[in-house]
Amino acid sequence: MTTTATTLVSRNPADPADVVVRFTAPGPAAAAAAVGRARAAQPGWQAAGAAARSAALTAVAAGIEAGADELAALAVREVGKPIAEARAEVARAAAIWRYYAQAPYAPAGAVHETAAGAGLLLTRRRPHGVAGLITPWNFPFAIPSWKAAPALAAGNAVVLKPAPEATACAERLAGILQQALPEAVFALLPGGAAEGTALVSTADVVSFTGSTAVGRAVAARATARGVPVQAEMGGLNAAIVLPDADIAQAAAHITAAVAGYAGQKCTATSRVVAVGAALAPLREALAEALRTVPVGDPADAATVCGPLIGEQARARAEEACHGLGVLAGGSAPDGPGWYAAPVLVEKVPYGHRLLHEEVFGPVAALLPAGDLAEAVRIGNSVPYGLVTSVHTTDLDTALHGLDHLDTGMIRINAPTTGVDFHLPFGGTKSSGHGPREQGRAALEFYASSRTYTLSPAGAT
């Protein structure tokens, strides 16, 4: 039986005629082979000890820093990330590797007293083996880093399957890792769905970031095999603005979270809930701010909203606004790129897709609420539960939000976007499955806890 080779293409979203990389998908057998090589190399990596693993992760950070300008420019070209955000992402990726470079020295367990008699009781974390990582295109350096760094720090080997749209970025990052790590401890698996499915079917622990439909399939396949799995699957995030809030600050934060990187972040704001008297001034401030967002060439330092990743993504964003009252919308530049201007709509019917489906574009709905309780109900009314921002100067109101919102992250007087990589990251409901990413939580996920009983010889 013969199979047809699949050719995948990654294009510059600001100039689709510019092909960044074209390659033939290696097929499912390549995933099994990569996992096999990694599994053979993993015991040596684990046995190398804390100092060796720490030094290798530090070397990765240094390699990222040394190539920072090149990496940022590549993110601009391949995934259309505005240059200011691209530089910030590369810096964050390096910081992630430095943070986890200290993890191998952290305690790997604890010593406990026995319930009775002589001996010791110990707990100890041990790596799973081979971590299969499936990552999206929108953060081509940071997301692979916050998955791979803790997995490697814990003693696992890693096989990374990036989104096809970010293949060139992944290849450049892989080159840095492979230079710093022993052979076969890290492998890059370019490809599409077939390679991703094969990786989930063979790895010893799986971490996925992407769409809800694919994430659920990944979680089901990994769970059926009995291997640990986490899946981060997006959001439909709300910003709640109270009448006592600093309206100008709230509008600035929300505008950045709606329009930054063309809304192509799982933490982007897609619903703005204005409580009571906040509606009129917030409506005016947001409309003005969104009309003046710089939209254009991601290589321009002034650009905030660059192109969407593809023609289908742009069509999806435009279709989401069809038939709705557009309160504010800028103009997209003429030219070949997949651009869409930021849009704020109002008077959205409850059943409309904007209020139930993630668009992944620079589109947000303005929704009124009579009081805080109604605002919280609106915030909680969607299938997702990733992040909510609450804008207020009243501590009691902020605490009410913390107690009643059912999202994995709650940000007070801050945009929904933005991640602190040393703290747990993840959501509830359809936003996430399994343990949290980042921080110490990631180290727990990439290792299993063993309990040891040490009793003296001859003890009864």
Protein backbone atom coordinates (compact mmCIF):
# COMPACT_ATOMS: atom_id res chain seq x y z
CA MET A 1 0.00 0.00 0.00
CA THR A 2 1.36 3.43 -0.91
CA THR A 3 0.58 6.70 0.80
CA THR A 4 0.62 10.16 -0.70
CA ALA A 5 3.16 12.50 0.85
CA THR A 6 1.67 15.67 2.34
CA THR A 7 3.35 18.95 1.47
CA LEU A 8 2.95 21.70 4.06
CA VAL A 9 3.65 25.37 3.47
CA SER A 10 4.25 28.19 5.94
CA ARG A 11 3.62 31.65 4.47
CA ASN A 12 4.26 35.18 5.61
CA PRO A 13 0.79 36.44 6.65
CA ALA A 14 1.78 40.00 5.78
CA ASP A 15 2.78 38.87 2.27
CA PRO A 16 1.33 35.45 1.41
CA ALA A 17 3.46 35.20 -1.73
CA ASP A 18 6.48 34.93 0.57
CA VAL A 19 6.88 31.22 1.37
CA VAL A 20 8.87 30.95 4.59
CA VAL A 21 9.26 27.18 4.43
CA ARG A 22 7.85 24.33 2.38
CA PHE A 23 8.32 20.73 3.52
CA THR A 24 7.01 17.22 3.20
CA ALA A 25 5.34 15.88 6.33
CA PRO A 26 7.41 12.90 7.54
CA GLY A 27 4.42 10.73 8.44
CA PRO A 28 3.36 8.84 11.59
CA ALA A 29 6.33 6.47 11.49
CA ALA A 30 8.64 9.42 12.01
CA ALA A 31 6.89 10.18 15.30
CA ALA A 32 7.40 6.62 16.57
CA ALA A 33 11.04 6.73 15.51
CA ALA A 34 11.66 10.08 17.22
CA VAL A 35 10.04 8.85 20.42
CA GLY A 36 12.10 5.66 20.27
CA ARG A 37 15.37 7.59 19.98
CA ALA A 38 14.33 9.94 22.75
CA ARG A 39 13.35 7.05 25.00
CA ALA A 40 16.79 5.50 24.52
CA ALA A 41 18.51 8.80 25.37
CA GLN A 42 16.33 9.72 28.35
CA PRO A 43 17.96 7.53 31.06
CA GLY A 44 21.35 9.10 30.39
CA TRP A 45 19.85 12.59 30.58
CA GLN A 46 18.18 11.76 33.88
CA ALA A 47 21.36 10.24 35.27
CA ALA A 48 23.45 13.24 34.21
CA GLY A 49 22.40 15.00 37.41
CA ALA A 50 21.22 18.43 38.45
CA ALA A 51 24.35 20.33 37.45
CA ALA A 52 24.38 18.99 33.89
CA ARG A 53 20.69 19.62 33.33
CA SER A 54 20.91 23.10 34.81
CA ALA A 55 23.90 23.98 32.65
CA ALA A 56 22.17 22.75 29.50
CA LEU A 57 19.02 24.78 30.16
CA THR A 58 21.14 27.83 30.91
CA ALA A 59 22.92 27.30 27.59
CA VAL A 60 19.56 27.28 25.81
CA ALA A 61 18.69 30.62 27.42
CA ALA A 62 22.04 32.04 26.32
CA GLY A 63 21.50 30.77 22.78
CA ILE A 64 18.09 32.43 22.60
CA GLU A 65 19.53 35.69 23.88
CA ALA A 66 22.40 35.55 21.40
CA GLY A 67 19.98 35.10 18.50
CA ALA A 68 17.25 37.40 19.82
CA ASP A 69 17.14 39.79 16.86
CA GLU A 70 17.04 36.95 14.34
CA LEU A 71 14.35 35.08 16.27
CA ALA A 72 12.15 38.16 16.62
CA ALA A 73 12.46 38.95 12.92
CA LEU A 74 11.53 35.37 12.07
CA ALA A 75 8.40 35.56 14.26
CA VAL A 76 7.42 38.76 12.43
CA ARG A 77 7.86 37.09 9.06
CA GLU A 78 6.37 33.67 9.76
CA VAL A 79 3.47 34.34 12.14
CA GLY A 80 2.92 38.08 11.65
CA LYS A 81 3.70 39.04 15.23
CA PRO A 82 4.30 42.80 15.62
CA ILE A 83 7.99 43.39 16.20
CA ALA A 84 7.56 44.87 19.69
CA GLU A 85 5.62 41.77 20.81
CA ALA A 86 8.05 39.47 19.01
CA ARG A 87 11.00 40.94 20.89
CA ALA A 88 9.13 40.63 24.18
CA GLU A 89 8.27 37.00 23.46
CA VAL A 90 11.89 36.09 22.69
CA ALA A 91 13.03 37.76 25.91
CA ARG A 92 10.36 35.87 27.83
CA ALA A 93 11.43 32.57 26.26
CA ALA A 94 15.01 33.13 27.44
CA ALA A 95 13.75 34.01 30.93
CA ILE A 96 11.67 30.80 31.03
CA TRP A 97 14.76 28.69 30.34
CA ARG A 98 16.74 30.53 33.04
CA TYR A 99 13.90 30.06 35.51
CA TYR A 100 13.70 26.30 34.94
CA ALA A 101 17.49 25.97 34.88
CA GLN A 102 17.31 26.28 38.67
CA ALA A 103 14.66 23.57 39.01
CA PRO A 104 17.02 20.56 38.89
CA TYR A 105 18.49 21.77 42.21
CA ALA A 106 15.10 21.96 43.92
CA PRO A 107 14.09 19.20 46.36
CA ALA A 108 12.76 16.19 44.48
CA GLY A 109 10.72 14.88 47.37
CA ALA A 110 10.41 14.78 51.15
CA VAL A 111 11.38 12.64 54.14
CA HIS A 112 8.67 11.55 56.57
CA GLU A 113 8.61 9.84 59.93
CA THR A 114 7.24 6.30 60.06
CA ALA A 115 3.96 5.74 61.84
CA ALA A 116 5.75 3.34 64.19
CA GLY A 117 9.17 1.79 64.48
CA ALA A 118 12.50 2.46 62.85
CA GLY A 119 13.05 3.37 59.19
CA LEU A 120 12.32 6.15 56.77
CA LEU A 121 9.47 7.09 54.48
CA LEU A 122 10.47 9.02 51.36
CA THR A 123 8.67 10.63 48.47
CA ARG A 124 10.53 11.33 45.26
CA ARG A 125 9.55 12.73 41.87
CA ARG A 126 10.73 10.80 38.82
CA PRO A 127 10.38 11.75 35.12
CA HIS A 128 7.80 9.99 32.98
CA GLY A 129 10.17 9.32 30.07
CA VAL A 130 9.40 11.06 26.78
CA ALA A 131 7.26 14.20 26.74
CA GLY A 132 5.25 14.71 23.57
CA LEU A 133 4.57 18.43 23.09
CA ILE A 134 2.11 19.84 20.54
CA THR A 135 2.26 23.62 20.23
CA PRO A 136 0.40 26.35 18.30
CA TRP A 137 1.75 29.02 15.96
CA ASN A 138 0.86 32.19 17.89
CA PHE A 139 3.68 32.02 20.46
CA PRO A 140 6.29 30.07 18.49
CA PHE A 141 9.07 30.49 21.05
CA ALA A 142 7.38 31.03 24.43
CA ILE A 143 4.91 28.12 24.39
CA PRO A 144 7.42 25.46 23.28
CA SER A 145 9.76 26.87 25.93
CA TRP A 146 7.29 26.75 28.80
CA LYS A 147 6.51 23.15 27.94
CA ALA A 148 9.97 21.83 27.06
CA ALA A 149 11.98 23.57 29.79
CA PRO A 150 10.17 22.02 32.79
CA ALA A 151 9.94 18.65 31.04
CA LEU A 152 13.70 18.61 30.50
CA ALA A 153 14.45 20.01 33.95
CA ALA A 154 12.52 17.08 35.45
CA GLY A 155 14.66 14.60 33.49
CA ASN A 156 12.39 13.80 30.56
CA ALA A 157 13.39 13.70 26.91
CA VAL A 158 11.22 15.80 24.59
CA VAL A 159 9.67 15.47 21.13
CA LEU A 160 8.10 18.72 19.89
CA LYS A 161 5.42 18.82 17.17
CA PRO A 162 4.84 22.51 16.27
CA ALA A 163 2.00 23.94 14.21
CA PRO A 164 2.88 23.90 10.50
CA GLU A 165 2.44 27.69 10.35
CA ALA A 166 5.36 28.10 12.78
CA THR A 167 7.72 25.46 11.38
CA ALA A 168 10.62 27.81 10.62
CA CYS A 169 10.50 29.29 14.13
CA ALA A 170 10.44 25.79 15.61
CA GLU A 171 13.40 24.71 13.48
CA ARG A 172 15.43 27.70 14.66
CA LEU A 173 14.55 27.04 18.31
CA ALA A 174 15.30 23.34 17.88
CA GLY A 175 18.76 24.19 16.57
CA ILE A 176 19.51 26.07 19.78
CA LEU A 177 18.25 23.22 21.95
CA GLN A 178 20.07 20.50 20.06
CA GLN A 179 23.32 22.40 20.37
CA ALA A 180 22.91 22.62 24.16
CA LEU A 181 21.51 19.15 24.88
CA PRO A 182 22.84 15.60 24.45
CA GLU A 183 21.92 13.87 21.20
CA ALA A 184 18.29 12.71 20.86
CA VAL A 185 17.21 14.23 24.20
CA PHE A 186 15.26 16.79 22.18
CA ALA A 187 13.73 16.13 18.76
CA LEU A 188 11.65 18.26 16.41
CA LEU A 189 8.77 16.55 14.62
CA PRO A 190 7.42 18.85 11.89
CA GLY A 191 4.11 17.95 10.34
CA GLY A 192 0.37 18.09 10.70
CA ALA A 193 -2.45 16.11 12.25
CA ALA A 194 -1.08 12.66 11.38
CA GLU A 195 2.24 13.31 13.09
CA GLY A 196 0.51 14.86 16.10
CA THR A 197 -1.81 11.88 16.50
CA ALA A 198 1.12 9.48 16.28
CA LEU A 199 3.03 11.44 18.92
CA VAL A 200 0.08 11.32 21.33
CA SER A 201 -0.11 7.58 20.69
CA THR A 202 3.52 6.93 21.67
CA ALA A 203 4.75 9.55 24.18
CA ASP A 204 4.81 8.93 27.95
CA VAL A 205 3.33 12.33 28.88
CA VAL A 206 1.51 14.75 26.59
CA SER A 207 1.03 18.51 26.63
CA PHE A 208 -1.13 20.25 24.02
CA THR A 209 -2.10 23.84 23.25
CA GLY A 210 -4.60 24.54 20.46
CA SER A 211 -8.25 24.34 19.52
CA THR A 212 -10.95 22.85 21.72
CA ALA A 213 -11.95 20.12 19.27
CA VAL A 214 -8.39 18.89 18.77
CA GLY A 215 -7.54 19.26 22.45
CA ARG A 216 -10.44 17.05 23.48
CA ALA A 217 -9.34 14.40 21.00
CA VAL A 218 -5.77 14.59 22.30
CA ALA A 219 -6.96 14.29 25.90
CA ALA A 220 -9.19 11.31 25.09
CA ARG A 221 -6.44 9.45 23.20
CA ALA A 222 -3.81 10.02 25.88
CA THR A 223 -6.20 9.17 28.70
CA ALA A 224 -7.18 5.94 26.98
CA ARG A 225 -3.50 4.99 27.01
CA GLY A 226 -3.21 5.88 30.69
CA VAL A 227 -0.59 8.59 30.21
CA PRO A 228 -0.71 12.02 31.89
CA VAL A 229 -2.10 14.75 29.63
CA GLN A 230 -2.82 18.44 29.80
CA ALA A 231 -4.61 20.45 27.12
CA GLU A 232 -4.97 24.23 26.96
CA MET A 233 -7.81 24.99 24.58
CA GLY A 234 -8.51 28.69 24.38
CA GLY A 235 -10.92 31.17 25.88
CA LEU A 236 -13.81 33.56 25.41
CA ASN A 237 -12.59 36.07 27.93
CA ALA A 238 -14.49 38.91 29.54
CA ALA A 239 -13.40 42.28 30.88
CA ILE A 240 -15.79 43.56 33.56
CA VAL A 241 -15.74 47.33 34.13
CA LEU A 242 -17.39 48.84 37.21
CA PRO A 243 -18.63 52.45 37.42
CA ASP A 244 -15.88 53.38 39.90
CA ALA A 245 -13.10 52.16 37.59
CA ASP A 246 -10.51 54.38 35.98
CA ILE A 247 -12.28 54.36 32.61
CA ALA A 248 -9.32 55.63 30.62
CA GLN A 249 -7.04 52.96 32.06
CA ALA A 250 -9.66 50.24 31.57
CA ALA A 251 -10.20 51.28 27.95
CA ALA A 252 -6.45 51.21 27.28
CA HIS A 253 -6.10 47.75 28.81
CA ILE A 254 -9.11 46.37 26.94
CA THR A 255 -8.04 47.88 23.62
CA ALA A 256 -4.62 46.25 23.93
CA ALA A 257 -6.24 42.92 24.82
CA VAL A 258 -8.70 43.08 21.89
CA ALA A 259 -6.39 44.38 19.16
CA GLY A 260 -2.88 43.32 20.18
CA TYR A 261 -1.50 40.75 17.71
CA ALA A 262 -4.89 40.95 15.96
CA GLY A 263 -6.57 39.22 18.89
CA GLN A 264 -4.70 35.98 18.20
CA LYS A 265 -4.14 35.04 21.83
CA CYS A 266 -6.14 32.61 23.93
CA THR A 267 -6.17 35.34 26.61
CA ALA A 268 -7.50 38.09 24.31
CA THR A 269 -10.61 40.01 25.43
CA SER A 270 -13.66 39.16 23.34
CA ARG A 271 -16.46 40.37 25.67
CA VAL A 272 -16.56 43.72 27.47
CA VAL A 273 -19.14 43.88 30.27
CA ALA A 274 -19.93 47.43 31.36
CA VAL A 275 -21.74 47.71 34.68
CA GLY A 276 -24.36 50.42 35.15
CA ALA A 277 -23.05 53.95 34.68
CA ALA A 278 -19.76 52.67 33.28
CA LEU A 279 -21.43 51.90 29.95
CA ALA A 280 -21.60 55.36 28.37
CA PRO A 281 -18.07 56.58 29.16
CA LEU A 282 -16.53 53.19 28.43
CA ARG A 283 -18.40 52.96 25.14
CA GLU A 284 -17.00 56.31 24.04
CA ALA A 285 -13.45 55.62 25.26
CA LEU A 286 -13.27 52.19 23.66
CA ALA A 287 -14.67 53.38 20.34
CA GLU A 288 -12.08 56.13 20.14
CA ALA A 289 -9.20 53.90 21.22
CA LEU A 290 -10.03 51.11 18.77
CA ARG A 291 -10.43 53.54 15.87
CA THR A 292 -6.87 54.73 16.38
CA VAL A 293 -5.11 51.36 16.87
CA PRO A 294 -2.14 51.18 14.47
CA VAL A 295 -2.92 48.39 12.00
CA GLY A 296 -0.31 47.36 9.48
CA ASP A 297 3.08 45.86 8.72
CA PRO A 298 4.22 43.79 11.73
CA ALA A 299 7.81 44.82 11.03
CA ASP A 300 6.88 48.44 11.81
CA ALA A 301 7.67 49.27 15.43
CA ALA A 302 4.45 51.29 15.73
CA THR A 303 2.15 48.43 14.70
CA VAL A 304 -0.14 46.96 17.34
CA CYS A 305 -2.51 44.95 15.13
CA GLY A 306 -0.78 43.01 12.37
CA PRO A 307 -2.22 40.44 9.95
CA LEU A 308 -4.20 37.36 10.86
CA ILE A 309 -2.47 34.04 10.32
CA GLY A 310 -4.41 33.09 7.17
CA GLU A 311 -7.26 33.82 4.79
CA GLN A 312 -9.67 31.56 6.69
CA ALA A 313 -8.84 33.33 9.96
CA ARG A 314 -9.61 36.71 8.40
CA ALA A 315 -12.87 35.45 6.91
CA ARG A 316 -13.90 34.03 10.29
CA ALA A 317 -13.30 37.39 12.00
CA GLU A 318 -15.25 39.28 9.35
CA GLU A 319 -18.15 36.81 9.37
CA ALA A 320 -18.44 37.06 13.16
CA CYS A 321 -19.49 40.71 12.85
CA HIS A 322 -21.96 40.21 10.01
CA GLY A 323 -25.36 41.75 10.75
CA LEU A 324 -24.29 43.32 14.04
CA GLY A 325 -24.12 46.98 15.04
CA VAL A 326 -20.51 48.05 14.66
CA LEU A 327 -19.68 50.64 17.29
CA ALA A 328 -16.05 51.05 16.28
CA GLY A 329 -13.87 49.69 13.59
CA GLY A 330 -10.65 50.93 12.11
CA SER A 331 -9.45 50.47 8.57
CA ALA A 332 -7.24 47.63 7.39
CA PRO A 333 -4.37 48.52 5.07
CA ASP A 334 -4.56 47.80 1.38
CA GLY A 335 -2.17 45.17 0.17
CA PRO A 336 -1.66 41.44 -0.01
CA GLY A 337 -1.60 40.64 3.72
CA TRP A 338 -4.41 38.99 5.70
CA TYR A 339 -5.35 42.13 7.64
CA ALA A 340 -8.55 42.87 9.57
CA ALA A 341 -9.19 46.03 11.55
CA PRO A 342 -10.19 45.81 15.24
CA VAL A 343 -13.96 45.86 15.69
CA LEU A 344 -16.24 46.53 18.67
CA VAL A 345 -19.88 45.53 18.27
CA GLU A 346 -22.92 46.10 20.46
CA LYS A 347 -26.51 44.91 20.84
CA VAL A 348 -25.42 41.32 20.27
CA PRO A 349 -28.24 38.75 20.62
CA TYR A 350 -27.65 36.20 23.36
CA GLY A 351 -27.46 33.25 20.96
CA HIS A 352 -24.94 34.88 18.65
CA ARG A 353 -21.69 32.98 18.05
CA LEU A 354 -19.61 35.88 19.41
CA LEU A 355 -20.99 35.10 22.86
CA HIS A 356 -20.36 31.36 22.69
CA GLU A 357 -17.49 30.65 20.28
CA GLU A 358 -13.88 31.78 20.20
CA VAL A 359 -13.23 33.87 17.05
CA PHE A 360 -9.46 34.33 17.51
CA GLY A 361 -9.43 37.72 15.85
CA PRO A 362 -9.60 41.43 16.81
CA VAL A 363 -13.35 41.40 17.54
CA ALA A 364 -15.14 42.15 20.82
CA ALA A 365 -18.72 42.62 21.95
CA LEU A 366 -19.80 45.37 24.35
CA LEU A 367 -22.44 44.07 26.79
CA PRO A 368 -24.35 46.03 29.47
CA ALA A 369 -24.98 44.72 32.99
CA GLY A 370 -27.20 46.22 35.63
CA ASP A 371 -24.98 45.33 38.56
CA LEU A 372 -21.94 43.28 39.54
CA ALA A 373 -23.94 40.09 40.07
CA GLU A 374 -25.30 40.26 36.52
CA ALA A 375 -21.82 41.02 35.18
CA VAL A 376 -20.46 37.92 36.89
CA ARG A 377 -23.32 35.83 35.45
CA ILE A 378 -22.48 37.13 31.96
CA GLY A 379 -18.81 36.43 32.52
CA ASN A 380 -19.55 32.87 33.61
CA SER A 381 -22.18 32.16 30.90
CA VAL A 382 -19.82 30.79 28.23
CA PRO A 383 -18.37 27.30 27.76
CA TYR A 384 -14.85 28.60 28.40
CA GLY A 385 -13.15 29.66 31.61
CA LEU A 386 -9.63 30.90 30.98
CA VAL A 387 -9.25 34.48 32.26
CA THR A 388 -11.37 37.43 33.34
CA SER A 389 -10.27 40.98 34.06
CA VAL A 390 -12.12 43.16 36.59
CA HIS A 391 -11.65 46.92 36.56
CA THR A 392 -12.52 48.69 39.80
CA THR A 393 -11.01 50.80 42.57
CA ASP A 394 -13.02 49.03 45.26
CA LEU A 395 -11.36 46.15 47.09
CA ASP A 396 -14.65 44.53 48.09
CA THR A 397 -15.71 44.41 44.43
CA ALA A 398 -12.40 42.90 43.44
CA LEU A 399 -12.71 40.23 46.11
CA HIS A 400 -16.26 39.45 44.97
CA GLY A 401 -14.88 38.80 41.52
CA LEU A 402 -12.19 36.55 42.89
CA ASP A 403 -14.80 34.52 44.77
CA HIS A 404 -17.49 34.18 42.11
CA LEU A 405 -15.85 34.11 38.67
CA ASP A 406 -15.20 30.60 37.37
CA THR A 407 -12.12 31.26 35.28
CA GLY A 408 -8.68 29.86 35.95
CA MET A 409 -7.12 33.32 36.09
CA ILE A 410 -8.57 36.61 37.35
CA ARG A 411 -6.74 39.89 36.77
CA ILE A 412 -7.71 43.04 38.65
CA ASN A 413 -7.08 46.36 36.86
CA ALA A 414 -4.98 44.61 34.23
CA PRO A 415 -5.60 43.28 30.70
CA THR A 416 -6.81 39.71 30.22
CA THR A 417 -3.63 39.21 28.22
CA GLY A 418 -0.26 38.72 29.87
CA VAL A 419 1.26 35.69 31.55
CA ASP A 420 3.49 35.36 34.60
CA PHE A 421 5.53 32.30 33.66
CA HIS A 422 6.43 31.49 37.28
CA LEU A 423 2.75 31.02 38.22
CA PRO A 424 0.25 28.33 37.17
CA PHE A 425 -1.48 28.97 33.84
CA GLY A 426 -4.70 27.34 32.69
CA GLY A 427 -8.47 27.48 32.65
CA THR A 428 -11.68 25.73 33.64
CA LYS A 429 -14.50 24.17 31.58
CA SER A 430 -13.63 23.98 27.86
CA SER A 431 -10.51 26.09 28.32
CA GLY A 432 -8.41 23.40 29.89
CA HIS A 433 -8.01 19.73 30.70
CA GLY A 434 -5.62 18.34 33.26
CA PRO A 435 -3.04 20.02 35.50
CA ARG A 436 -1.82 23.59 35.07
CA GLU A 437 1.15 24.71 33.03
CA GLN A 438 4.09 26.91 34.06
CA GLY A 439 5.67 27.59 37.42
CA ARG A 440 6.18 24.80 39.92
CA ALA A 441 2.96 23.18 38.70
CA ALA A 442 4.67 22.24 35.44
CA LEU A 443 7.43 20.36 37.26
CA GLU A 444 4.80 18.35 39.11
CA PHE A 445 3.06 17.48 35.83
CA TYR A 446 6.21 16.25 34.10
CA ALA A 447 7.08 13.86 36.95
CA SER A 448 5.36 11.15 38.95
CA SER A 449 5.59 10.86 42.70
CA ARG A 450 7.07 7.67 44.14
CA THR A 451 6.75 6.64 47.78
CA TYR A 452 9.60 4.61 49.33
CA THR A 453 9.61 2.73 52.60
CA LEU A 454 13.06 2.04 54.04
CA SER A 455 12.99 -0.39 56.95
CA PRO A 456 16.06 -1.82 58.82
CA ALA A 457 16.99 -5.36 57.91
CA GLY A 458 15.46 -7.81 60.36
CA ALA A 459 12.73 -5.41 61.45
CA THR A 460 9.31 -6.96 62.12
